[in-house]
Amino acid sequence: MPEQDKKEKTLAGAGRHQGKTALVTGGSRGIGRAISRRLAREGALIAVHYGHDEAAADRTVKEIETDGGRAFAIHAELGVPGDAAALWTAFDRELAAYAPDAEPGLDILVNNAGITLPRPIEQVTEEAYDRVFAVNTKAPFFILQQSLGRLRDGGRIINVSSAATRFAYPSIIAYCMTKAAMDHLTLPLAVQLAPRNITVNAVAPGFTETEINPTLKDPRIRQALSAHSVFDRLGQPEDIADVVAFVASDDARWVTGQWLDAAGGVHLGL
């Protein structure tokens, strides 16, 4: 990225999240890493959650600190019994250790962690089905449930969904179902939490260049997926992070219960 672009990126929204605490699940890699870094640049203290890759979480924390931000890593494997409780125990412990004078609690919760299941229905086993729902739907449901006592009034909840919930993709049918469930969860929560001025929204990426999709190493697949966007390119994690940063800000205080397309105009040209 050119130096001028980097400078403009740093200045955009500078201080918008100053004094806030944010938790990004799956915050160490891909879209989650970009969200963590973006919110940190805007002043938030970031809890970078990871499930397995401690080294990636440490790198993301160091990147944030190098940029002048503040962050700490928390570990909790998702998709296993007690995962939400383990995550919040780690969050409470690490927040108190990192910032002992900080007010306990949370301002921004980004449910980003997820796994894929690139199989058509006839190839989906019960074990794989249960696994993808445990990580993508059950874990964030109970993370949200147990966040309500920690989330401060005026807070923000952002569920990272997928543009795939609006189209027919037989090859990832179970994955799409998990994200569609999160889309619906966004709606009743937005109503329930409105008296506390907490907004709840879903941000839906399209084909995005992250390591979660190894097929993008194939130039033919890259070209085919890029062609779905009106911009004729793959999305970058930063494209999604910028949308999340807006929705997490006070600028979006009048936006709740919404599904925000962050897919680069996928299929608009059809």
Protein backbone atom coordinates (compact mmCIF):
# COMPACT_ATOMS: atom_id res chain seq x y z
CA MET A 1 0.00 0.00 0.00
CA PRO A 2 1.46 3.45 -0.95
CA GLU A 3 2.57 5.62 1.96
CA GLN A 4 -0.07 8.27 1.22
CA ASP A 5 -2.79 5.61 1.27
CA LYS A 6 -1.45 4.32 4.59
CA LYS A 7 -1.55 7.84 6.02
CA GLU A 8 -5.11 8.43 4.85
CA LYS A 9 -6.13 5.05 6.25
CA THR A 10 -4.66 5.93 9.63
CA LEU A 11 -6.36 9.33 9.71
CA ALA A 12 -9.77 8.04 8.63
CA GLY A 13 -11.82 7.61 11.77
CA ALA A 14 -8.87 8.41 14.03
CA GLY A 15 -10.00 8.43 17.63
CA ARG A 16 -13.53 7.33 16.75
CA HIS A 17 -13.33 4.42 19.19
CA GLN A 18 -11.08 6.04 21.77
CA GLY A 19 -11.70 4.71 25.26
CA LYS A 20 -13.69 1.71 24.02
CA THR A 21 -12.96 -1.97 24.53
CA ALA A 22 -13.61 -4.42 21.69
CA LEU A 23 -13.54 -8.19 21.40
CA VAL A 24 -13.03 -9.74 17.96
CA THR A 25 -13.51 -13.49 17.81
CA GLY A 26 -11.15 -15.10 15.33
CA GLY A 27 -9.31 -11.81 15.51
CA SER A 28 -5.83 -13.10 14.71
CA ARG A 29 -6.11 -13.90 11.00
CA GLY A 30 -7.87 -12.89 7.81
CA ILE A 31 -10.88 -10.63 8.15
CA GLY A 32 -10.68 -10.78 11.95
CA ARG A 33 -7.10 -9.54 11.91
CA ALA A 34 -8.04 -6.63 9.65
CA ILE A 35 -10.96 -5.74 11.92
CA SER A 36 -8.75 -5.88 15.01
CA ARG A 37 -6.16 -3.61 13.44
CA ARG A 38 -8.75 -1.17 12.09
CA LEU A 39 -10.58 -0.74 15.41
CA ALA A 40 -7.26 -0.39 17.21
CA ARG A 41 -6.18 2.38 14.83
CA GLU A 42 -9.35 4.20 15.81
CA GLY A 43 -8.44 4.03 19.49
CA ALA A 44 -10.12 0.87 20.83
CA LEU A 45 -8.43 -1.58 23.18
CA ILE A 46 -8.69 -4.90 21.34
CA ALA A 47 -9.11 -8.39 22.75
CA VAL A 48 -7.78 -10.57 19.93
CA HIS A 49 -9.41 -13.97 20.30
CA TYR A 50 -7.85 -17.09 18.80
CA GLY A 51 -8.74 -20.74 18.90
CA HIS A 52 -5.58 -22.57 17.85
CA ASP A 53 -2.94 -20.29 16.31
CA GLU A 54 -1.28 -18.53 19.23
CA ALA A 55 1.57 -17.30 17.03
CA ALA A 56 -0.87 -15.53 14.70
CA ALA A 57 -2.58 -13.86 17.66
CA ASP A 58 0.77 -12.69 19.03
CA ARG A 59 1.69 -11.28 15.60
CA THR A 60 -1.58 -9.38 15.37
CA VAL A 61 -1.11 -7.93 18.86
CA LYS A 62 2.44 -6.84 17.96
CA GLU A 63 1.23 -5.28 14.70
CA ILE A 64 -1.37 -3.29 16.62
CA GLU A 65 1.21 -2.15 19.14
CA THR A 66 3.62 -1.17 16.36
CA ASP A 67 0.85 0.99 14.91
CA GLY A 68 0.49 2.69 18.29
CA GLY A 69 -2.57 0.76 19.43
CA ARG A 70 -3.39 -1.44 22.40
CA ALA A 71 -4.31 -5.12 22.33
CA PHE A 72 -4.06 -8.41 24.16
CA ALA A 73 -4.72 -11.98 23.07
CA ILE A 74 -7.25 -14.37 24.58
CA HIS A 75 -7.55 -18.08 23.89
CA ALA A 76 -10.68 -20.22 23.75
CA GLU A 77 -11.40 -23.11 21.43
CA LEU A 78 -14.85 -22.75 19.88
CA GLY A 79 -17.19 -25.57 18.99
CA VAL A 80 -16.60 -27.50 22.22
CA PRO A 81 -18.71 -27.69 25.40
CA GLY A 82 -18.27 -24.63 27.60
CA ASP A 83 -16.57 -22.60 24.89
CA ALA A 84 -18.44 -19.35 25.57
CA ALA A 85 -17.77 -19.52 29.31
CA ALA A 86 -14.09 -20.22 28.65
CA LEU A 87 -13.87 -17.26 26.30
CA TRP A 88 -15.41 -14.81 28.77
CA THR A 89 -13.29 -16.14 31.64
CA ALA A 90 -10.19 -15.51 29.52
CA PHE A 91 -11.46 -12.07 28.51
CA ASP A 92 -12.16 -10.98 32.09
CA ARG A 93 -8.80 -12.30 33.30
CA GLU A 94 -6.68 -10.83 30.51
CA LEU A 95 -8.45 -7.47 30.53
CA ALA A 96 -7.84 -7.11 34.28
CA ALA A 97 -4.18 -8.06 33.82
CA TYR A 98 -3.59 -5.78 30.83
CA ALA A 99 -5.49 -2.74 32.10
CA PRO A 100 -6.09 -3.12 35.86
CA ASP A 101 -7.44 0.42 36.11
CA ALA A 102 -9.85 0.03 33.20
CA GLU A 103 -13.56 -0.24 33.81
CA PRO A 104 -14.66 -3.88 33.41
CA GLY A 105 -16.92 -4.55 30.48
CA LEU A 106 -17.15 -4.29 26.74
CA ASP A 107 -18.27 -1.77 24.13
CA ILE A 108 -17.90 -3.66 20.84
CA LEU A 109 -18.38 -7.37 20.18
CA VAL A 110 -17.53 -8.71 16.72
CA ASN A 111 -18.60 -12.30 16.11
CA ASN A 112 -16.19 -13.14 13.32
CA ALA A 113 -14.78 -16.61 14.05
CA GLY A 114 -15.98 -19.31 11.71
CA ILE A 115 -15.08 -22.35 9.65
CA THR A 116 -16.10 -23.48 6.18
CA LEU A 117 -17.57 -26.75 4.97
CA PRO A 118 -17.08 -26.91 1.18
CA ARG A 119 -19.24 -29.97 0.48
CA PRO A 120 -22.58 -30.52 -1.26
CA ILE A 121 -25.39 -32.05 0.79
CA GLU A 122 -24.66 -35.64 -0.22
CA GLN A 123 -21.11 -35.36 1.16
CA VAL A 124 -21.94 -33.71 4.50
CA THR A 125 -21.58 -36.13 7.40
CA GLU A 126 -23.40 -35.68 10.70
CA GLU A 127 -20.07 -35.05 12.39
CA ALA A 128 -19.11 -32.31 9.92
CA TYR A 129 -22.59 -30.78 10.13
CA ASP A 130 -22.47 -30.67 13.92
CA ARG A 131 -18.98 -29.19 13.85
CA VAL A 132 -19.75 -26.30 11.50
CA PHE A 133 -22.92 -25.42 13.43
CA ALA A 134 -21.09 -25.67 16.75
CA VAL A 135 -18.44 -23.16 15.68
CA ASN A 136 -20.44 -20.83 13.42
CA THR A 137 -23.81 -20.72 15.18
CA LYS A 138 -23.86 -22.28 18.65
CA ALA A 139 -20.65 -20.64 19.88
CA PRO A 140 -21.63 -17.08 18.90
CA PHE A 141 -25.15 -17.61 20.28
CA PHE A 142 -23.83 -18.38 23.75
CA ILE A 143 -21.02 -15.83 23.46
CA LEU A 144 -23.75 -13.26 22.85
CA GLN A 145 -25.89 -14.62 25.67
CA GLN A 146 -23.04 -14.30 28.15
CA SER A 147 -21.96 -10.90 26.82
CA LEU A 148 -25.15 -9.09 27.83
CA GLY A 149 -24.04 -8.44 31.40
CA ARG A 150 -20.65 -7.17 30.21
CA LEU A 151 -21.78 -5.07 27.25
CA ARG A 152 -22.17 -1.44 28.18
CA ASP A 153 -25.21 0.62 27.18
CA GLY A 154 -24.63 2.21 23.80
CA GLY A 155 -22.53 -0.77 22.73
CA ARG A 156 -22.26 -2.46 19.36
CA ILE A 157 -22.69 -6.07 18.25
CA ILE A 158 -21.55 -7.00 14.74
CA ASN A 159 -22.12 -10.50 13.38
CA VAL A 160 -19.93 -11.34 10.40
CA SER A 161 -22.23 -13.16 8.00
CA SER A 162 -21.79 -14.01 4.32
CA ALA A 163 -23.25 -12.86 1.02
CA ALA A 164 -23.70 -16.58 0.36
CA THR A 165 -26.89 -16.52 2.44
CA ARG A 166 -28.61 -14.54 -0.35
CA PHE A 167 -27.75 -16.86 -3.22
CA ALA A 168 -27.83 -20.56 -4.04
CA TYR A 169 -24.46 -22.21 -3.45
CA PRO A 170 -25.06 -25.99 -3.30
CA SER A 171 -21.35 -26.64 -2.73
CA ILE A 172 -21.38 -24.92 0.69
CA ILE A 173 -24.95 -25.61 1.76
CA ALA A 174 -24.34 -26.31 5.47
CA TYR A 175 -22.02 -23.31 5.84
CA CYS A 176 -24.67 -21.05 4.31
CA MET A 177 -27.23 -22.41 6.75
CA THR A 178 -25.03 -21.46 9.72
CA LYS A 179 -24.65 -17.89 8.49
CA ALA A 180 -28.37 -17.59 7.70
CA ALA A 181 -29.07 -18.52 11.32
CA MET A 182 -26.81 -15.68 12.46
CA ASP A 183 -28.62 -13.31 10.11
CA HIS A 184 -31.88 -14.08 11.87
CA LEU A 185 -30.34 -13.90 15.34
CA THR A 186 -29.38 -10.31 14.49
CA LEU A 187 -33.03 -9.24 14.19
CA PRO A 188 -34.57 -10.17 17.57
CA LEU A 189 -31.42 -9.09 19.40
CA ALA A 190 -31.68 -5.66 17.77
CA VAL A 191 -35.20 -5.31 19.17
CA GLN A 192 -34.34 -6.68 22.60
CA LEU A 193 -31.27 -4.48 23.11
CA ALA A 194 -32.65 -1.26 21.62
CA PRO A 195 -33.77 0.12 25.02
CA ARG A 196 -30.10 0.05 26.02
CA ASN A 197 -29.08 1.86 22.80
CA ILE A 198 -27.11 -1.21 21.74
CA THR A 199 -27.15 -1.78 17.99
CA VAL A 200 -26.94 -5.23 16.42
CA ASN A 201 -26.04 -5.65 12.76
CA ALA A 202 -24.69 -8.25 10.35
CA VAL A 203 -21.92 -7.49 7.86
CA ALA A 204 -21.77 -9.87 4.91
CA PRO A 205 -18.51 -10.31 2.95
CA GLY A 206 -18.41 -11.87 -0.47
CA PHE A 207 -15.46 -13.63 -2.05
CA THR A 208 -12.61 -12.35 0.08
CA GLU A 209 -8.91 -13.12 -0.14
CA THR A 210 -8.09 -14.94 3.08
CA GLU A 211 -6.29 -18.15 3.95
CA ILE A 212 -9.59 -19.77 4.91
CA ASN A 213 -10.08 -20.41 1.17
CA PRO A 214 -7.03 -22.27 -0.19
CA THR A 215 -8.67 -22.68 -3.61
CA LEU A 216 -7.79 -19.03 -4.31
CA LYS A 217 -4.25 -20.19 -5.07
CA ASP A 218 -5.62 -21.46 -8.39
CA PRO A 219 -5.52 -18.56 -10.91
CA ARG A 220 -8.57 -19.90 -12.75
CA ILE A 221 -10.65 -19.97 -9.57
CA ARG A 222 -9.44 -16.48 -8.61
CA GLN A 223 -10.49 -15.15 -12.00
CA ALA A 224 -13.87 -16.85 -11.85
CA LEU A 225 -14.67 -15.58 -8.36
CA SER A 226 -13.39 -12.08 -9.13
CA ALA A 227 -15.80 -11.92 -12.05
CA HIS A 228 -18.77 -12.21 -9.68
CA SER A 229 -18.02 -8.70 -8.38
CA VAL A 230 -18.89 -5.61 -10.42
CA PHE A 231 -15.38 -4.40 -9.54
CA ASP A 232 -13.88 -7.54 -11.08
CA ARG A 233 -11.68 -8.32 -8.10
CA LEU A 234 -11.67 -10.29 -4.88
CA GLY A 235 -12.46 -8.48 -1.67
CA GLN A 236 -9.63 -7.71 0.71
CA PRO A 237 -9.96 -8.15 4.49
CA GLU A 238 -9.54 -4.38 4.87
CA ASP A 239 -12.62 -3.82 2.71
CA ILE A 240 -14.69 -5.64 5.30
CA ALA A 241 -12.90 -4.13 8.29
CA ASP A 242 -13.76 -0.61 7.16
CA VAL A 243 -17.47 -1.46 7.06
CA VAL A 244 -17.31 -3.07 10.51
CA ALA A 245 -15.50 -0.04 11.93
CA PHE A 246 -18.29 2.21 10.66
CA VAL A 247 -21.07 0.02 12.05
CA ALA A 248 -19.24 -0.15 15.38
CA SER A 249 -19.04 3.65 15.60
CA ASP A 250 -21.42 6.31 16.85
CA ASP A 251 -21.84 7.35 13.22
CA ALA A 252 -24.02 4.24 12.84
CA ARG A 253 -26.12 4.84 15.96
CA TRP A 254 -29.33 4.89 13.85
CA VAL A 255 -28.53 1.62 12.07
CA THR A 256 -29.65 -1.61 13.73
CA GLY A 257 -31.10 -4.96 12.74
CA GLN A 258 -29.54 -4.62 9.30
CA TRP A 259 -27.75 -6.96 6.91
CA LEU A 260 -25.02 -4.92 5.26
CA ASP A 261 -23.76 -6.21 1.94
CA ALA A 262 -19.96 -5.92 1.84
CA ALA A 263 -19.51 -8.14 -1.19
CA GLY A 264 -18.41 -5.69 -3.87
CA GLY A 265 -21.65 -5.89 -5.82
CA VAL A 266 -21.60 -9.64 -6.23
CA HIS A 267 -24.12 -10.74 -8.87
CA LEU A 268 -25.44 -7.20 -9.46
CA GLY A 269 -24.50 -7.54 -13.09
CA LEU A 270 -26.62 -10.66 -13.65
